Protein backbone atom coordinates (compact mmCIF):
# COMPACT_ATOMS: atom_id res chain seq x y z
CA MET A 1 84.93 -18.71 74.83
CA GLN A 2 86.24 -15.33 73.79
CA LYS A 3 87.60 -12.78 76.23
CA MET A 4 85.18 -10.12 77.42
CA THR A 5 86.00 -6.44 77.46
CA ALA A 6 85.53 -4.42 80.63
CA LYS A 7 82.48 -2.79 79.08
CA GLN A 8 80.94 -6.23 78.36
CA ILE A 9 81.66 -7.40 81.91
CA LEU A 10 80.02 -4.32 83.42
CA LYS A 11 76.97 -4.80 81.18
CA ALA A 12 76.70 -8.46 82.26
CA MET A 13 76.99 -7.41 85.93
CA GLU A 14 74.20 -4.86 85.50
CA GLU A 15 71.96 -7.65 84.22
CA MET A 16 72.67 -9.86 87.27
CA ASP A 17 70.49 -9.81 90.34
CA ASN A 18 72.09 -8.63 93.58
CA GLY A 19 72.75 -12.14 94.88
CA GLU A 20 74.67 -13.16 91.76
CA ARG A 21 76.60 -9.89 91.77
CA ILE A 22 77.62 -10.32 95.42
CA LYS A 23 78.81 -13.89 94.79
CA LEU A 24 80.85 -12.75 91.79
CA LEU A 25 82.45 -9.85 93.63
CA SER A 26 83.26 -12.07 96.64
CA VAL A 27 85.00 -14.64 94.42
CA LEU A 28 86.95 -11.92 92.59
CA ALA A 29 88.02 -10.26 95.85
CA GLU A 30 89.20 -13.57 97.32
CA LYS A 31 91.01 -14.63 94.14
CA HIS A 32 92.74 -11.36 93.33
CA PHE A 33 93.19 -9.72 96.72
CA GLY A 34 93.27 -12.71 99.08
CA LYS A 35 90.37 -11.28 101.06
CA LYS A 36 87.73 -13.68 102.24
CA PRO A 37 84.28 -12.40 103.18
CA PRO A 38 83.96 -11.73 106.92
CA THR A 39 82.27 -14.30 109.13
CA ILE A 40 79.12 -13.49 111.08
CA GLU A 41 81.22 -13.27 114.26
CA GLU A 42 83.62 -10.80 112.65
CA ILE A 43 80.73 -8.65 111.46
CA ALA A 44 79.18 -8.71 114.94
CA LYS A 45 82.50 -7.66 116.51
CA LEU A 46 82.97 -4.84 114.00
CA ASN A 47 79.44 -3.62 114.67
CA TYR A 48 80.03 -3.72 118.43
CA VAL A 49 83.30 -1.79 118.14
CA ALA A 50 81.63 0.78 115.88
CA MET A 51 78.82 1.32 118.39
CA TYR A 52 80.64 1.08 121.73
CA GLY A 53 84.35 1.47 120.97
CA ASP A 54 87.16 -1.01 121.52
CA GLU A 55 87.28 -0.66 125.31
CA LYS A 56 86.77 -3.77 127.39
């Protein structure tokens, strides 16, 4: 398999459906930046804090 240029990668991503694109970006983010996708609980907490603030 030959290496793809950035332009080829972007073209391939444009041809993907949203689900495939999200999976790819999640894997790349985890591999290169050490960031795992947030859990449902983390998303719920972030939404709560955004709506009501961080006061308890």
